[in-house]
Amino acid sequence: MTRSVAEAARAVLTAAEPLAKVKAARAAARDWRLGRLDHRFDVAMPDRPARPERPELLPPNRMARRGKGGSERGRIALIHALAHIEFAAIDLAFDAVGRFGGQFPRGFTDDWMHVGADEAMHFALLDRRLKQLGSHYGAMPAHDGLWDAAATTAHDPLARLAVVPMVLEARGLDVTPATIARFEAVGDIATTRILTRILNDEIRHVRAGTIWFESACEQHGFVPETTWQMFVRTYFRGLLKPPFNDSARDSAGLTRGYYGPIAVP
């Protein structure tokens, strides 16, 4: 029997080492694109994805405050933090496929397989950049806050879409331009190019989240903006605070009508 898309997604989540996870992600996305996977959801996703021995995972409140990336050490720390976000994002994308794909049309799997392949590529680029700077992924502690958000929304695809792409990834749209400017200011053009590519891809990822959230809301007769606000109040532990990259958010379909009414001044 042909392998199912759920089996391929689970293989990504159960791969612990970074290289193995990236390879599994690329293989799953390629096999799906080439029609080698059945659109079948016959295995469960793990409660938590496998993780390598390093980096050490600390609670967010024990993480050292990140600098602005002026010194080389500061730049390495910032790139490492970004690499960890992208590493976790691989699992978030494939968990969405395997956990929720059966509740949506086939296009949902198309989109999140593409997102997962992007996240694997982003991680690989940042990991390579760390090595060029004399470091590597796992050299510094990191936190698992992104997966905590996935765990709290594992029961509801609308909650997951509301919190992960439409809050957490959307925050990347807000902060990445300033991060790019910091690397530009010190002449780190290689990292600038990587982050610019990531920013452009993340607009598409947030757009996918918004489109599928709105589609599900339409199916259930929900008002998208107020439903999103309800999910954010319920499942997102932080605050929505400016600055907001309104133009990038608009490009992703995440208009101010969503976040404006519940953002802090």
Protein backbone atom coordinates (compact mmCIF):
# COMPACT_ATOMS: atom_id res chain seq x y z
CA MET A 1 0.00 0.00 0.00
CA THR A 2 1.23 3.52 -0.80
CA ARG A 3 2.38 5.49 2.23
CA SER A 4 -0.17 7.94 3.57
CA VAL A 5 0.39 11.65 3.97
CA ALA A 6 -0.16 11.21 7.72
CA GLU A 7 2.65 8.65 7.88
CA ALA A 8 4.95 11.07 6.09
CA ALA A 9 4.01 13.89 8.46
CA ARG A 10 4.58 11.67 11.49
CA ALA A 11 8.01 10.71 10.16
CA VAL A 12 8.99 14.38 10.26
CA LEU A 13 7.73 14.81 13.82
CA THR A 14 9.52 11.71 15.09
CA ALA A 15 12.88 12.64 13.52
CA ALA A 16 14.99 14.12 16.31
CA GLU A 17 18.27 15.20 14.73
CA PRO A 18 18.16 18.39 12.64
CA LEU A 19 19.55 16.82 9.47
CA ALA A 20 17.12 13.90 9.73
CA LYS A 21 14.17 16.24 10.28
CA VAL A 22 15.10 18.42 7.33
CA LYS A 23 15.52 15.37 5.10
CA ALA A 24 12.17 13.93 6.25
CA ALA A 25 10.45 17.26 5.63
CA ARG A 26 11.88 17.60 2.14
CA ALA A 27 11.03 14.00 1.30
CA ALA A 28 7.44 14.36 2.52
CA ALA A 29 6.87 17.57 0.56
CA ARG A 30 8.48 16.13 -2.57
CA ASP A 31 6.54 12.86 -2.37
CA TRP A 32 3.28 14.73 -1.89
CA ARG A 33 4.00 17.02 -4.83
CA LEU A 34 4.81 14.06 -7.06
CA GLY A 35 1.68 12.12 -6.07
CA ARG A 36 3.52 9.42 -4.14
CA LEU A 37 1.45 9.81 -0.95
CA ASP A 38 -2.18 8.87 -0.40
CA HIS A 39 -4.46 11.58 0.95
CA ARG A 40 -5.18 9.39 3.95
CA PHE A 41 -5.01 10.12 7.67
CA ASP A 42 -4.54 6.75 9.29
CA VAL A 43 -1.95 7.38 12.02
CA ALA A 44 -1.98 9.76 14.97
CA MET A 45 0.51 12.54 15.48
CA PRO A 46 2.73 12.38 18.59
CA ASP A 47 1.89 14.62 21.53
CA ARG A 48 5.34 16.19 21.23
CA PRO A 49 7.87 16.04 18.41
CA ALA A 50 11.27 14.41 18.87
CA ARG A 51 14.07 16.80 19.77
CA PRO A 52 17.88 16.50 19.63
CA GLU A 53 19.98 16.48 22.81
CA ARG A 54 21.05 20.03 22.01
CA PRO A 55 19.98 22.77 22.28
CA GLU A 56 19.07 22.59 25.94
CA LEU A 57 15.42 23.66 26.21
CA LEU A 58 14.69 26.15 28.98
CA PRO A 59 11.45 27.83 30.10
CA PRO A 60 11.05 31.17 28.31
CA ASN A 61 11.55 33.09 31.57
CA ARG A 62 15.02 31.53 32.02
CA MET A 63 16.27 32.54 28.60
CA ALA A 64 18.91 35.27 28.46
CA ARG A 65 17.71 38.48 26.90
CA ARG A 66 18.72 38.66 23.24
CA GLY A 67 20.85 41.56 22.20
CA LYS A 68 20.45 43.63 19.07
CA GLY A 69 23.03 41.70 17.07
CA GLY A 70 25.73 44.38 17.02
CA SER A 71 28.68 42.23 18.08
CA GLU A 72 29.55 38.98 16.33
CA ARG A 73 28.54 37.03 19.43
CA GLY A 74 25.26 38.92 19.53
CA ARG A 75 24.64 38.17 15.87
CA ILE A 76 25.34 34.48 16.41
CA ALA A 77 22.94 34.39 19.37
CA LEU A 78 20.22 36.06 17.33
CA ILE A 79 20.72 33.75 14.33
CA HIS A 80 20.64 30.76 16.69
CA ALA A 81 17.33 31.93 18.17
CA LEU A 82 15.90 32.37 14.69
CA ALA A 83 17.15 28.95 13.61
CA HIS A 84 15.39 27.38 16.59
CA ILE A 85 12.14 29.11 15.63
CA GLU A 86 12.41 27.72 12.12
CA PHE A 87 13.28 24.26 13.45
CA ALA A 88 10.12 24.25 15.57
CA ALA A 89 8.13 25.62 12.65
CA ILE A 90 8.94 22.50 10.61
CA ASP A 91 7.07 20.42 13.18
CA LEU A 92 4.21 22.91 13.41
CA ALA A 93 3.57 22.69 9.67
CA PHE A 94 3.67 18.90 9.46
CA ASP A 95 1.64 18.50 12.63
CA ALA A 96 -1.04 20.66 11.01
CA VAL A 97 -1.01 18.33 7.98
CA GLY A 98 -1.19 15.10 9.95
CA ARG A 99 -3.50 16.29 12.73
CA PHE A 100 -5.99 18.42 10.82
CA GLY A 101 -5.61 17.61 7.11
CA GLY A 102 -8.50 15.17 7.11
CA GLN A 103 -10.87 17.94 8.23
CA PHE A 104 -10.13 20.17 5.24
CA PRO A 105 -10.10 19.92 1.44
CA ARG A 106 -6.96 18.60 -0.23
CA GLY A 107 -5.66 22.14 -0.76
CA PHE A 108 -5.00 22.44 2.98
CA THR A 109 -2.43 19.65 2.73
CA ASP A 110 -0.97 21.27 -0.41
CA ASP A 111 -0.44 24.53 1.46
CA TRP A 112 1.01 23.16 4.69
CA MET A 113 3.31 20.72 2.91
CA HIS A 114 4.68 23.74 1.05
CA VAL A 115 5.00 25.68 4.30
CA GLY A 116 6.82 22.76 5.93
CA ALA A 117 9.29 22.57 3.04
CA ASP A 118 9.90 26.31 3.37
CA GLU A 119 10.54 26.04 7.11
CA ALA A 120 13.04 23.22 6.53
CA MET A 121 14.83 25.35 3.95
CA HIS A 122 14.86 28.37 6.30
CA PHE A 123 16.36 26.29 9.09
CA ALA A 124 19.01 24.83 6.78
CA LEU A 125 20.03 28.30 5.59
CA LEU A 126 20.34 29.66 9.14
CA ASP A 127 22.18 26.57 10.36
CA ARG A 128 24.66 26.92 7.50
CA ARG A 129 25.12 30.58 8.37
CA LEU A 130 25.86 29.67 12.00
CA LYS A 131 28.55 27.26 10.81
CA GLN A 132 30.05 29.96 8.59
CA LEU A 133 30.33 32.12 11.72
CA GLY A 134 32.02 29.35 13.70
CA SER A 135 29.00 28.12 15.63
CA HIS A 136 26.19 25.61 15.07
CA TYR A 137 22.58 24.93 15.98
CA GLY A 138 22.49 23.52 19.51
CA ALA A 139 25.43 25.58 20.77
CA MET A 140 23.12 27.77 22.90
CA PRO A 141 19.98 27.13 24.96
CA ALA A 142 16.55 27.67 23.43
CA HIS A 143 12.94 27.49 24.58
CA ASP A 144 9.98 25.44 23.42
CA GLY A 145 7.29 28.11 23.58
CA LEU A 146 6.20 27.56 19.99
CA TRP A 147 5.32 23.93 20.64
CA ASP A 148 3.49 24.92 23.82
CA ALA A 149 1.16 26.94 21.59
CA ALA A 150 0.67 23.88 19.39
CA ALA A 151 -0.11 21.67 22.38
CA THR A 152 -2.81 23.99 23.70
CA THR A 153 -4.53 24.06 20.30
CA ALA A 154 -4.13 20.39 19.37
CA HIS A 155 -7.86 19.76 19.77
CA ASP A 156 -9.16 22.44 17.39
CA PRO A 157 -7.95 23.37 13.91
CA LEU A 158 -9.50 26.83 14.12
CA ALA A 159 -7.66 27.53 17.36
CA ARG A 160 -4.41 26.29 15.82
CA LEU A 161 -4.79 28.49 12.74
CA ALA A 162 -5.72 31.48 14.88
CA VAL A 163 -2.72 31.21 17.18
CA VAL A 164 0.14 29.75 15.14
CA PRO A 165 0.12 31.36 11.69
CA MET A 166 -2.14 34.31 12.53
CA VAL A 167 -0.42 35.38 15.78
CA LEU A 168 3.00 33.80 16.11
CA GLU A 169 4.06 33.85 12.46
CA ALA A 170 2.41 37.21 11.96
CA ARG A 171 4.61 38.57 14.75
CA GLY A 172 7.57 37.60 12.60
CA LEU A 173 6.25 39.94 9.92
CA ASP A 174 6.39 42.75 12.48
CA VAL A 175 9.87 42.21 13.90
CA THR A 176 11.87 40.82 10.99
CA PRO A 177 12.30 44.12 9.08
CA ALA A 178 14.05 45.67 12.10
CA THR A 179 16.20 42.56 12.48
CA ILE A 180 17.17 42.79 8.81
CA ALA A 181 18.13 46.43 9.34
CA ARG A 182 20.42 45.47 12.25
CA PHE A 183 22.33 42.97 10.15
CA GLU A 184 22.51 45.42 7.25
CA ALA A 185 23.94 48.07 9.57
CA VAL A 186 26.93 45.88 10.44
CA GLY A 187 27.47 44.75 6.84
CA ASP A 188 26.25 41.17 7.30
CA ILE A 189 24.77 40.87 3.84
CA ALA A 190 24.63 37.06 3.88
CA THR A 191 22.28 37.00 6.88
CA THR A 192 20.32 39.94 5.47
CA ARG A 193 19.55 37.96 2.33
CA ILE A 194 18.43 34.92 4.31
CA LEU A 195 16.11 36.96 6.53
CA THR A 196 14.65 38.83 3.55
CA ARG A 197 13.78 35.51 1.92
CA ILE A 198 12.24 34.26 5.16
CA LEU A 199 10.15 37.44 5.50
CA ASN A 200 8.76 37.08 1.99
CA ASP A 201 7.91 33.42 2.55
CA GLU A 202 6.27 34.10 5.91
CA ILE A 203 3.80 36.50 4.30
CA ARG A 204 2.60 33.56 2.23
CA HIS A 205 2.45 31.35 5.33
CA VAL A 206 0.31 33.83 7.24
CA ARG A 207 -1.88 34.19 4.16
CA ALA A 208 -2.42 30.42 4.08
CA GLY A 209 -3.42 30.45 7.73
CA THR A 210 -5.82 33.33 7.20
CA ILE A 211 -7.41 31.79 4.10
CA TRP A 212 -8.06 28.45 5.78
CA PHE A 213 -9.28 30.11 8.97
CA GLU A 214 -11.76 32.20 7.00
CA SER A 215 -12.83 29.17 4.95
CA ALA A 216 -13.57 27.19 8.11
CA CYS A 217 -15.41 30.14 9.64
CA GLU A 218 -17.58 30.44 6.53
CA GLN A 219 -18.39 26.73 6.70
CA HIS A 220 -19.50 27.04 10.33
CA GLY A 221 -21.27 30.38 9.95
CA PHE A 222 -18.77 32.23 12.18
CA VAL A 223 -17.67 35.84 11.81
CA PRO A 224 -13.91 35.52 11.16
CA GLU A 225 -12.65 38.61 13.02
CA THR A 226 -14.60 38.13 16.24
CA THR A 227 -14.03 34.37 16.20
CA TRP A 228 -10.30 34.93 15.82
CA GLN A 229 -10.33 37.41 18.70
CA MET A 230 -12.11 34.85 20.90
CA PHE A 231 -9.52 32.17 20.12
CA VAL A 232 -6.62 34.56 20.74
CA ARG A 233 -8.02 35.62 24.11
CA THR A 234 -8.50 31.97 25.05
CA TYR A 235 -5.31 30.32 23.80
CA PHE A 236 -2.63 32.98 23.37
CA ARG A 237 -0.81 33.76 26.61
CA GLY A 238 0.90 36.94 25.49
CA LEU A 239 -0.24 40.38 24.37
CA LEU A 240 -0.75 41.73 20.87
CA LYS A 241 1.34 44.86 20.93
CA PRO A 242 2.74 47.25 18.34
CA PRO A 243 4.60 47.94 16.21
CA PHE A 244 2.61 46.09 13.56
CA ASN A 245 3.80 45.68 9.99
CA ASP A 246 0.40 46.62 8.60
CA SER A 247 1.44 46.40 4.95
CA ALA A 248 2.83 42.86 5.28
CA ARG A 249 -0.17 41.81 7.36
CA ASP A 250 -2.52 43.26 4.74
CA SER A 251 -0.67 41.32 2.05
CA ALA A 252 -1.34 38.19 4.09
CA GLY A 253 -5.04 39.02 4.44
CA LEU A 254 -4.65 39.67 8.16
CA THR A 255 -6.22 43.11 8.23
CA ARG A 256 -6.40 45.47 11.22
CA GLY A 257 -10.00 44.43 11.72
CA TYR A 258 -8.61 41.23 13.24
CA TYR A 259 -5.96 42.50 15.62
CA GLY A 260 -6.76 46.18 16.08
CA PRO A 261 -9.64 45.75 18.56
CA ILE A 262 -7.59 43.57 20.97
CA ALA A 263 -4.12 45.06 20.58
CA VAL A 264 -2.66 46.88 23.56
CA PRO A 265 -2.10 50.63 23.02
